[in-house]
Amino acid sequence: MTNSYVLRYLNECLQFEKDLNDLEIQRVKVVNDMIEKENQMISSKKQLVEQLDSIKKTDIKVQLKDGSIWKIEKSTKDLLVRIERVVITLKES
């Protein structure tokens, strides 16, 4: 083997190593982006939970056309069911 072959081989090895490093950098960037998006989703979920909790703690009163007043319960499940009933009642009125 001559020196030029050895140098060419070494150069190819270095280029291959550089390409591998570039791919690793890209992989790390993608992983970081995924982590950032996951953190944003977690933050959004926490905000939604806080909003639901504040709804649960709020008494809501609705006055119908006939003058009757409905008090909506604090529980979220009851809240959704009772709002649906009010909407149906209002549609029927």
PDB file of N, CA and C in Angstrom:
ATOM      1  N   MET A   1       0.834  -1.180   0.000  1.00  0.00           N
ATOM      2  CA  MET A   1       0.000   0.000   0.000  1.00  0.00           C
ATOM      3  C   MET A   1       0.879   1.244   0.000  1.00  0.00           C
ATOM      4  N   THR A   2       0.478   2.174  -0.797  1.00  0.00           N
ATOM      5  CA  THR A   2       1.254   3.409  -0.845  1.00  0.00           C
ATOM      6  C   THR A   2       0.646   4.420   0.108  1.00  0.00           C
ATOM      7  N   ASN A   3       1.386   5.468   0.284  1.00  0.00           N
ATOM      8  CA  ASN A   3       0.931   6.521   1.192  1.00  0.00           C
ATOM      9  C   ASN A   3      -0.380   7.150   0.739  1.00  0.00           C
ATOM     10  N   SER A   4      -0.583   7.283  -0.559  1.00  0.00           N
ATOM     11  CA  SER A   4      -1.812   7.919  -1.052  1.00  0.00           C
ATOM     12  C   SER A   4      -3.042   7.070  -0.714  1.00  0.00           C
ATOM     13  N   TYR A   5      -2.915   5.747  -0.793  1.00  0.00           N
ATOM     14  CA  TYR A   5      -4.033   4.877  -0.422  1.00  0.00           C
ATOM     15  C   TYR A   5      -4.355   4.986   1.068  1.00  0.00           C
ATOM     16  N   VAL A   6      -3.305   5.013   1.862  1.00  0.00           N
ATOM     17  CA  VAL A   6      -3.491   5.130   3.309  1.00  0.00           C
ATOM     18  C   VAL A   6      -4.152   6.459   3.642  1.00  0.00           C
ATOM     19  N   LEU A   7      -3.678   7.527   3.011  1.00  0.00           N
ATOM     20  CA  LEU A   7      -4.260   8.848   3.253  1.00  0.00           C
ATOM     21  C   LEU A   7      -5.716   8.908   2.791  1.00  0.00           C
ATOM     22  N   ARG A   8      -5.993   8.321   1.653  1.00  0.00           N
ATOM     23  CA  ARG A   8      -7.363   8.295   1.141  1.00  0.00           C
ATOM     24  C   ARG A   8      -8.271   7.506   2.101  1.00  0.00           C
ATOM     25  N   TYR A   9      -7.778   6.365   2.579  1.00  0.00           N
ATOM     26  CA  TYR A   9      -8.543   5.552   3.525  1.00  0.00           C
ATOM     27  C   TYR A   9      -8.799   6.321   4.824  1.00  0.00           C
ATOM     28  N   LEU A  10      -7.784   6.968   5.336  1.00  0.00           N
ATOM     29  CA  LEU A  10      -7.932   7.757   6.563  1.00  0.00           C
ATOM     30  C   LEU A  10      -8.918   8.910   6.359  1.00  0.00           C
ATOM     31  N   ASN A  11      -8.830   9.522   5.203  1.00  0.00           N
ATOM     32  CA  ASN A  11      -9.743  10.619   4.884  1.00  0.00           C
ATOM     33  C   ASN A  11     -11.198  10.125   4.840  1.00  0.00           C
ATOM     34  N   GLU A  12     -11.411   8.961   4.232  1.00  0.00           N
ATOM     35  CA  GLU A  12     -12.755   8.387   4.186  1.00  0.00           C
ATOM     36  C   GLU A  12     -13.255   8.030   5.585  1.00  0.00           C
ATOM     37  N   CYS A  13     -12.368   7.514   6.411  1.00  0.00           N
ATOM     38  CA  CYS A  13     -12.733   7.190   7.796  1.00  0.00           C
ATOM     39  C   CYS A  13     -13.129   8.453   8.556  1.00  0.00           C
ATOM     40  N   LEU A  14     -12.374   9.514   8.371  1.00  0.00           N
ATOM     41  CA  LEU A  14     -12.687  10.776   9.036  1.00  0.00           C
ATOM     42  C   LEU A  14     -14.023  11.345   8.549  1.00  0.00           C
ATOM     43  N   GLN A  15     -14.257  11.239   7.249  1.00  0.00           N
ATOM     44  CA  GLN A  15     -15.523  11.727   6.693  1.00  0.00           C
ATOM     45  C   GLN A  15     -16.698  10.916   7.245  1.00  0.00           C
ATOM     46  N   PHE A  16     -16.503   9.606   7.330  1.00  0.00           N
ATOM     47  CA  PHE A  16     -17.543   8.743   7.884  1.00  0.00           C
ATOM     48  C   PHE A  16     -17.836   9.111   9.340  1.00  0.00           C
ATOM     49  N   GLU A  17     -16.793   9.354  10.107  1.00  0.00           N
ATOM     50  CA  GLU A  17     -16.960   9.740  11.510  1.00  0.00           C
ATOM     51  C   GLU A  17     -17.688  11.083  11.620  1.00  0.00           C
ATOM     52  N   LYS A  18     -17.342  12.008  10.741  1.00  0.00           N
ATOM     53  CA  LYS A  18     -18.015  13.311  10.735  1.00  0.00           C
ATOM     54  C   LYS A  18     -19.501  13.149  10.409  1.00  0.00           C
ATOM     55  N   ASP A  19     -19.798  12.307   9.420  1.00  0.00           N
ATOM     56  CA  ASP A  19     -21.197  12.060   9.064  1.00  0.00           C
ATOM     57  C   ASP A  19     -21.969  11.442  10.233  1.00  0.00           C
ATOM     58  N   LEU A  20     -21.339  10.518  10.921  1.00  0.00           N
ATOM     59  CA  LEU A  20     -21.970   9.910  12.097  1.00  0.00           C
ATOM     60  C   LEU A  20     -22.236  10.953  13.180  1.00  0.00           C
ATOM     61  N   ASN A  21     -21.284  11.824  13.401  1.00  0.00           N
ATOM     62  CA  ASN A  21     -21.455  12.889  14.396  1.00  0.00           C
ATOM     63  C   ASN A  21     -22.594  13.832  14.002  1.00  0.00           C
ATOM     64  N   ASP A  22     -22.668  14.156  12.714  1.00  0.00           N
ATOM     65  CA  ASP A  22     -23.755  15.017  12.232  1.00  0.00           C
ATOM     66  C   ASP A  22     -25.119  14.356  12.455  1.00  0.00           C
ATOM     67  N   LEU A  23     -25.182  13.056  12.185  1.00  0.00           N
ATOM     68  CA  LEU A  23     -26.429  12.327  12.415  1.00  0.00           C
ATOM     69  C   LEU A  23     -26.795  12.300  13.898  1.00  0.00           C
ATOM     70  N   GLU A  24     -25.816  12.142  14.743  1.00  0.00           N
ATOM     71  CA  GLU A  24     -26.064  12.138  16.187  1.00  0.00           C
ATOM     72  C   GLU A  24     -26.577  13.506  16.641  1.00  0.00           C
ATOM     73  N   ILE A  25     -26.012  14.564  16.095  1.00  0.00           N
ATOM     74  CA  ILE A  25     -26.468  15.919  16.425  1.00  0.00           C
ATOM     75  C   ILE A  25     -27.928  16.093  16.001  1.00  0.00           C
ATOM     76  N   GLN A  26     -28.268  15.630  14.810  1.00  0.00           N
ATOM     77  CA  GLN A  26     -29.653  15.718  14.339  1.00  0.00           C
ATOM     78  C   GLN A  26     -30.584  14.907  15.237  1.00  0.00           C
ATOM     79  N   ARG A  27     -30.145  13.719  15.641  1.00  0.00           N
ATOM     80  CA  ARG A  27     -30.955  12.870  16.511  1.00  0.00           C
ATOM     81  C   ARG A  27     -31.232  13.572  17.840  1.00  0.00           C
ATOM     82  N   VAL A  28     -30.197  14.181  18.405  1.00  0.00           N
ATOM     83  CA  VAL A  28     -30.347  14.880  19.681  1.00  0.00           C
ATOM     84  C   VAL A  28     -31.312  16.060  19.532  1.00  0.00           C
ATOM     85  N   LYS A  29     -31.234  16.780  18.417  1.00  0.00           N
ATOM     86  CA  LYS A  29     -32.152  17.898  18.185  1.00  0.00           C
ATOM     87  C   LYS A  29     -33.597  17.417  18.113  1.00  0.00           C
ATOM     88  N   VAL A  30     -33.814  16.307  17.420  1.00  0.00           N
ATOM     89  CA  VAL A  30     -35.169  15.762  17.306  1.00  0.00           C
ATOM     90  C   VAL A  30     -35.692  15.335  18.678  1.00  0.00           C
ATOM     91  N   VAL A  31     -34.846  14.673  19.452  1.00  0.00           N
ATOM     92  CA  VAL A  31     -35.244  14.244  20.798  1.00  0.00           C
ATOM     93  C   VAL A  31     -35.563  15.461  21.664  1.00  0.00           C
ATOM     94  N   ASN A  32     -34.749  16.495  21.584  1.00  0.00           N
ATOM     95  CA  ASN A  32     -35.001  17.718  22.358  1.00  0.00           C
ATOM     96  C   ASN A  32     -36.320  18.371  21.952  1.00  0.00           C
ATOM     97  N   ASP A  33     -36.597  18.401  20.649  1.00  0.00           N
ATOM     98  CA  ASP A  33     -37.869  18.955  20.173  1.00  0.00           C
ATOM     99  C   ASP A  33     -39.051  18.149  20.716  1.00  0.00           C
ATOM    100  N   MET A  34     -38.910  16.827  20.708  1.00  0.00           N
ATOM    101  CA  MET A  34     -39.980  15.971  21.227  1.00  0.00           C
ATOM    102  C   MET A  34     -40.201  16.221  22.714  1.00  0.00           C
ATOM    103  N   ILE A  35     -39.129  16.367  23.460  1.00  0.00           N
ATOM    104  CA  ILE A  35     -39.232  16.635  24.895  1.00  0.00           C
ATOM    105  C   ILE A  35     -39.909  17.983  25.128  1.00  0.00           C
ATOM    106  N   GLU A  36     -39.538  18.986  24.343  1.00  0.00           N
ATOM    107  CA  GLU A  36     -40.140  20.314  24.473  1.00  0.00           C
ATOM    108  C   GLU A  36     -41.645  20.261  24.192  1.00  0.00           C
ATOM    109  N   LYS A  37     -42.033  19.542  23.137  1.00  0.00           N
ATOM    110  CA  LYS A  37     -43.455  19.425  22.812  1.00  0.00           C
ATOM    111  C   LYS A  37     -44.203  18.672  23.906  1.00  0.00           C
ATOM    112  N   GLU A  38     -43.579  17.640  24.453  1.00  0.00           N
ATOM    113  CA  GLU A  38     -44.211  16.898  25.543  1.00  0.00           C
ATOM    114  C   GLU A  38     -44.397  17.797  26.767  1.00  0.00           C
ATOM    115  N   ASN A  39     -43.393  18.616  27.058  1.00  0.00           N
ATOM    116  CA  ASN A  39     -43.500  19.551  28.185  1.00  0.00           C
ATOM    117  C   ASN A  39     -44.625  20.557  27.960  1.00  0.00           C
ATOM    118  N   GLN A  40     -44.767  21.030  26.719  1.00  0.00           N
ATOM    119  CA  GLN A  40     -45.856  21.954  26.398  1.00  0.00           C
ATOM    120  C   GLN A  40     -47.216  21.283  26.593  1.00  0.00           C
ATOM    121  N   MET A  41     -47.312  20.021  26.173  1.00  0.00           N
ATOM    122  CA  MET A  41     -48.565  19.287  26.346  1.00  0.00           C
ATOM    123  C   MET A  41     -48.882  19.098  27.827  1.00  0.00           C
ATOM    124  N   ILE A  42     -47.868  18.784  28.620  1.00  0.00           N
ATOM    125  CA  ILE A  42     -48.067  18.612  30.061  1.00  0.00           C
ATOM    126  C   ILE A  42     -48.524  19.919  30.686  1.00  0.00           C
ATOM    127  N   SER A  43     -47.904  21.020  30.266  1.00  0.00           N
ATOM    128  CA  SER A  43     -48.287  22.334  30.784  1.00  0.00           C
ATOM    129  C   SER A  43     -49.736  22.662  30.417  1.00  0.00           C
ATOM    130  N   SER A  44     -50.109  22.383  29.176  1.00  0.00           N
ATOM    131  CA  SER A  44     -51.487  22.629  28.738  1.00  0.00           C
ATOM    132  C   SER A  44     -52.462  21.769  29.530  1.00  0.00           C
ATOM    133  N   LYS A  45     -52.088  20.524  29.764  1.00  0.00           N
ATOM    134  CA  LYS A  45     -52.957  19.629  30.528  1.00  0.00           C
ATOM    135  C   LYS A  45     -53.138  20.149  31.955  1.00  0.00           C
ATOM    136  N   LYS A  46     -52.046  20.633  32.559  1.00  0.00           N
ATOM    137  CA  LYS A  46     -52.137  21.182  33.914  1.00  0.00           C
ATOM    138  C   LYS A  46     -53.076  22.383  33.942  1.00  0.00           C
ATOM    139  N   GLN A  47     -52.985  23.245  32.923  1.00  0.00           N
ATOM    140  CA  GLN A  47     -53.863  24.413  32.861  1.00  0.00           C
ATOM    141  C   GLN A  47     -55.326  23.991  32.744  1.00  0.00           C
ATOM    142  N   LEU A  48     -55.585  22.976  31.916  1.00  0.00           N
ATOM    143  CA  LEU A  48     -56.959  22.496  31.771  1.00  0.00           C
ATOM    144  C   LEU A  48     -57.489  21.921  33.081  1.00  0.00           C
ATOM    145  N   VAL A  49     -56.644  21.169  33.770  1.00  0.00           N
ATOM    146  CA  VAL A  49     -57.057  20.598  35.057  1.00  0.00           C
ATOM    147  C   VAL A  49     -57.361  21.717  36.048  1.00  0.00           C
ATOM    148  N   GLU A  50     -56.522  22.755  36.069  1.00  0.00           N
ATOM    149  CA  GLU A  50     -56.765  23.889  36.965  1.00  0.00           C
ATOM    150  C   GLU A  50     -58.079  24.585  36.618  1.00  0.00           C
ATOM    151  N   GLN A  51     -58.343  24.744  35.324  1.00  0.00           N
ATOM    152  CA  GLN A  51     -59.598  25.376  34.912  1.00  0.00           C
ATOM    153  C   GLN A  51     -60.799  24.527  35.321  1.00  0.00           C
ATOM    154  N   LEU A  52     -60.681  23.213  35.137  1.00  0.00           N
ATOM    155  CA  LEU A  52     -61.773  22.334  35.555  1.00  0.00           C
ATOM    156  C   LEU A  52     -61.980  22.396  37.058  1.00  0.00           C
ATOM    157  N   ASP A  53     -60.879  22.435  37.805  1.00  0.00           N
ATOM    158  CA  ASP A  53     -60.986  22.540  39.258  1.00  0.00           C
ATOM    159  C   ASP A  53     -61.689  23.828  39.659  1.00  0.00           C
ATOM    160  N   SER A  54     -61.375  24.931  38.962  1.00  0.00           N
ATOM    161  CA  SER A  54     -62.034  26.195  39.305  1.00  0.00           C
ATOM    162  C   SER A  54     -63.515  26.140  38.953  1.00  0.00           C
ATOM    163  N   ILE A  55     -63.862  25.427  37.884  1.00  0.00           N
ATOM    164  CA  ILE A  55     -65.277  25.270  37.531  1.00  0.00           C
ATOM    165  C   ILE A  55     -65.986  24.455  38.603  1.00  0.00           C
ATOM    166  N   LYS A  56     -65.309  23.400  39.075  1.00  0.00           N
ATOM    167  CA  LYS A  56     -65.909  22.546  40.104  1.00  0.00           C
ATOM    168  C   LYS A  56     -66.226  23.341  41.366  1.00  0.00           C
ATOM    169  N   LYS A  57     -65.433  24.360  41.652  1.00  0.00           N
ATOM    170  CA  LYS A  57     -65.590  25.112  42.893  1.00  0.00           C
ATOM    171  C   LYS A  57     -66.581  26.265  42.760  1.00  0.00           C
ATOM    172  N   THR A  58     -67.109  26.459  41.561  1.00  0.00           N
ATOM    173  CA  THR A  58     -67.986  27.594  41.325  1.00  0.00           C
ATOM    174  C   THR A  58     -69.440  27.142  41.253  1.00  0.00           C
ATOM    175  N   ASP A  59     -70.295  27.792  42.015  1.00  0.00           N
ATOM    176  CA  ASP A  59     -71.732  27.545  41.903  1.00  0.00           C
ATOM    177  C   ASP A  59     -72.251  28.382  40.748  1.00  0.00           C
ATOM    178  N   ILE A  60     -73.025  27.762  39.892  1.00  0.00           N
ATOM    179  CA  ILE A  60     -73.581  28.480  38.749  1.00  0.00           C
ATOM    180  C   ILE A  60     -75.099  28.419  38.860  1.00  0.00           C
ATOM    181  N   LYS A  61     -75.739  29.556  38.672  1.00  0.00           N
ATOM    182  CA  LYS A  61     -77.197  29.598  38.699  1.00  0.00           C
ATOM    183  C   LYS A  61     -77.681  30.033  37.322  1.00  0.00           C
ATOM    184  N   VAL A  62     -78.710  29.346  36.839  1.00  0.00           N
ATOM    185  CA  VAL A  62     -79.280  29.654  35.533  1.00  0.00           C
ATOM    186  C   VAL A  62     -80.763  29.950  35.734  1.00  0.00           C
ATOM    187  N   GLN A  63     -81.209  31.075  35.173  1.00  0.00           N
ATOM    188  CA  GLN A  63     -82.633  31.414  35.272  1.00  0.00           C
ATOM    189  C   GLN A  63     -83.287  31.117  33.931  1.00  0.00           C
ATOM    190  N   LEU A  64     -84.345  30.304  33.979  1.00  0.00           N
ATOM    191  CA  LEU A  64     -85.061  29.935  32.765  1.00  0.00           C
ATOM    192  C   LEU A  64     -86.128  30.982  32.454  1.00  0.00           C
ATOM    193  N   LYS A  65     -86.725  30.866  31.269  1.00  0.00           N
ATOM    194  CA  LYS A  65     -87.752  31.821  30.847  1.00  0.00           C
ATOM    195  C   LYS A  65     -88.945  31.849  31.799  1.00  0.00           C
ATOM    196  N   ASP A  66     -89.254  30.698  32.379  1.00  0.00           N
ATOM    197  CA  ASP A  66     -90.406  30.645  33.290  1.00  0.00           C
ATOM    198  C   ASP A  66     -90.091  31.229  34.658  1.00  0.00           C
ATOM    199  N   GLY A  67     -88.870  31.725  34.835  1.00  0.00           N
ATOM    200  CA  GLY A  67     -88.488  32.358  36.087  1.00  0.00           C
ATOM    201  C   GLY A  67     -87.822  31.431  37.078  1.00  0.00           C
ATOM    202  N   SER A  68     -87.876  30.117  36.807  1.00  0.00           N
ATOM    203  CA  SER A  68     -87.245  29.185  37.746  1.00  0.00           C
ATOM    204  C   SER A  68     -85.722  29.300  37.645  1.00  0.00           C
ATOM    205  N   ILE A  69     -85.090  29.134  38.779  1.00  0.00           N
ATOM    206  CA  ILE A  69     -83.631  29.239  38.831  1.00  0.00           C
ATOM    207  C   ILE A  69     -83.061  27.862  39.143  1.00  0.00           C
ATOM    208  N   TRP A  70     -82.118  27.448  38.329  1.00  0.00           N
ATOM    209  CA  TRP A  70     -81.439  26.169  38.548  1.00  0.00           C
ATOM    210  C   TRP A  70     -80.061  26.446  39.107  1.00  0.00           C
ATOM    211  N   LYS A  71     -79.728  25.737  40.154  1.00  0.00           N
ATOM    212  CA  LYS A  71     -78.371  25.828  40.691  1.00  0.00           C
ATOM    213  C   LYS A  71     -77.604  24.608  40.179  1.00  0.00           C
ATOM    214  N   ILE A  72     -76.479  24.852  39.562  1.00  0.00           N
ATOM    215  CA  ILE A  72     -75.685  23.761  39.001  1.00  0.00           C
ATOM    216  C   ILE A  72     -74.688  23.288  40.054  1.00  0.00           C
ATOM    217  N   GLU A  73     -74.656  21.988  40.257  1.00  0.00           N
ATOM    218  CA  GLU A  73     -73.795  21.377  41.274  1.00  0.00           C
ATOM    219  C   GLU A  73     -72.312  21.636  40.993  1.00  0.00           C
ATOM    220  N   LYS A  74     -71.497  21.423  42.012  1.00  0.00           N
ATOM    221  CA  LYS A  74     -70.066  21.688  41.894  1.00  0.00           C
ATOM    222  C   LYS A  74     -69.311  20.600  41.139  1.00  0.00           C
ATOM    223  N   SER A  75     -69.796  19.405  41.163  1.00  0.00           N
ATOM    224  CA  SER A  75     -69.069  18.309  40.519  1.00  0.00           C
ATOM    225  C   SER A  75     -69.101  18.484  39.003  1.00  0.00           C
ATOM    226  N   THR A  76     -67.999  18.238  38.357  1.00  0.00           N
ATOM    227  CA  THR A  76     -67.904  18.435  36.905  1.00  0.00           C
ATOM    228  C   THR A  76     -68.880  17.537  36.162  1.00  0.00           C
ATOM    229  N   LYS A  77     -69.003  16.300  36.591  1.00  0.00           N
ATOM    230  CA  LYS A  77     -69.923  15.385  35.924  1.00  0.00           C
ATOM    231  C   LYS A  77     -71.346  15.910  36.031  1.00  0.00           C
ATOM    232  N   ASP A  78     -71.736  16.280  37.237  1.00  0.00           N
ATOM    233  CA  ASP A  78     -73.070  16.839  37.424  1.00  0.00           C
ATOM    234  C   ASP A  78     -73.231  18.126  36.631  1.00  0.00           C
ATOM    235  N   LEU A  79     -72.180  18.906  36.590  1.00  0.00           N
ATOM    236  CA  LEU A  79     -72.215  20.176  35.864  1.00  0.00           C
ATOM    237  C   LEU A  79     -72.558  19.936  34.401  1.00  0.00           C
ATOM    238  N   LEU A  80     -71.876  19.002  33.781  1.00  0.00           N
ATOM    239  CA  LEU A  80     -72.111  18.736  32.363  1.00  0.00           C
ATOM    240  C   LEU A  80     -73.512  18.177  32.130  1.00  0.00           C
ATOM    241  N   VAL A  81     -73.949  17.259  32.984  1.00  0.00           N
ATOM    242  CA  VAL A  81     -75.278  16.671  32.835  1.00  0.00           C
ATOM    243  C   VAL A  81     -76.351  17.732  33.016  1.00  0.00           C
ATOM    244  N   ARG A  82     -76.209  18.564  34.028  1.00  0.00           N
ATOM    245  CA  ARG A  82     -77.233  19.575  34.300  1.00  0.00           C
ATOM    246  C   ARG A  82     -77.252  20.660  33.223  1.00  0.00           C
ATOM    247  N   ILE A  83     -76.090  21.026  32.704  1.00  0.00           N
ATOM    248  CA  ILE A  83     -76.067  22.013  31.609  1.00  0.00           C
ATOM    249  C   ILE A  83     -76.789  21.434  30.398  1.00  0.00           C
ATOM    250  N   GLU A  84     -76.550  20.151  30.128  1.00  0.00           N
ATOM    251  CA  GLU A  84     -77.230  19.510  29.009  1.00  0.00           C
ATOM    252  C   GLU A  84     -78.746  19.535  29.228  1.00  0.00           C
ATOM    253  N   ARG A  85     -79.199  19.274  30.440  1.00  0.00           N
ATOM    254  CA  ARG A  85     -80.636  19.321  30.746  1.00  0.00           C
ATOM    255  C   ARG A  85     -81.199  20.724  30.552  1.00  0.00           C
ATOM    256  N   VAL A  86     -80.443  21.720  30.976  1.00  0.00           N
ATOM    257  CA  VAL A  86     -80.899  23.104  30.819  1.00  0.00           C
ATOM    258  C   VAL A  86     -81.028  23.439  29.342  1.00  0.00           C
ATOM    259  N   VAL A  87     -80.047  23.033  28.549  1.00  0.00           N
ATOM    260  CA  VAL A  87     -80.089  23.323  27.113  1.00  0.00           C
ATOM    261  C   VAL A  87     -81.294  22.641  26.479  1.00  0.00           C
ATOM    262  N   ILE A  88     -81.532  21.380  26.840  1.00  0.00           N
ATOM    263  CA  ILE A  88     -82.694  20.664  26.302  1.00  0.00           C
ATOM    264  C   ILE A  88     -83.980  21.365  26.723  1.00  0.00           C
ATOM    265  N   THR A  89     -84.065  21.760  27.989  1.00  0.00           N
ATOM    266  CA  THR A  89     -85.254  22.456  28.488  1.00  0.00           C
ATOM    267  C   THR A  89     -85.451  23.772  27.752  1.00  0.00           C
ATOM    268  N   LEU A  90     -84.364  24.509  27.539  1.00  0.00           N
ATOM    269  CA  LEU A  90     -84.472  25.786  26.830  1.00  0.00           C
ATOM    270  C   LEU A  90     -84.918  25.573  25.392  1.00  0.00           C
ATOM    271  N   LYS A  91     -84.434  24.512  24.754  1.00  0.00           N
ATOM    272  CA  LYS A  91     -84.840  24.232  23.376  1.00  0.00           C
ATOM    273  C   LYS A  91     -86.322  23.892  23.307  1.00  0.00           C
ATOM    274  N   GLU A  92     -86.816  23.193  24.329  1.00  0.00           N
ATOM    275  CA  GLU A  92     -88.228  22.812  24.355  1.00  0.00           C
ATOM    276  C   GLU A  92     -89.135  23.999  24.653  1.00  0.00           C
ATOM    277  N   SER A  93     -88.596  25.028  25.310  1.00  0.00           N
ATOM    278  CA  SER A  93     -89.423  26.183  25.705  1.00  0.00           C
ATOM    279  C   SER A  93     -89.814  27.032  24.522  1.00  0.00           C
TER     280      SER A  93
END
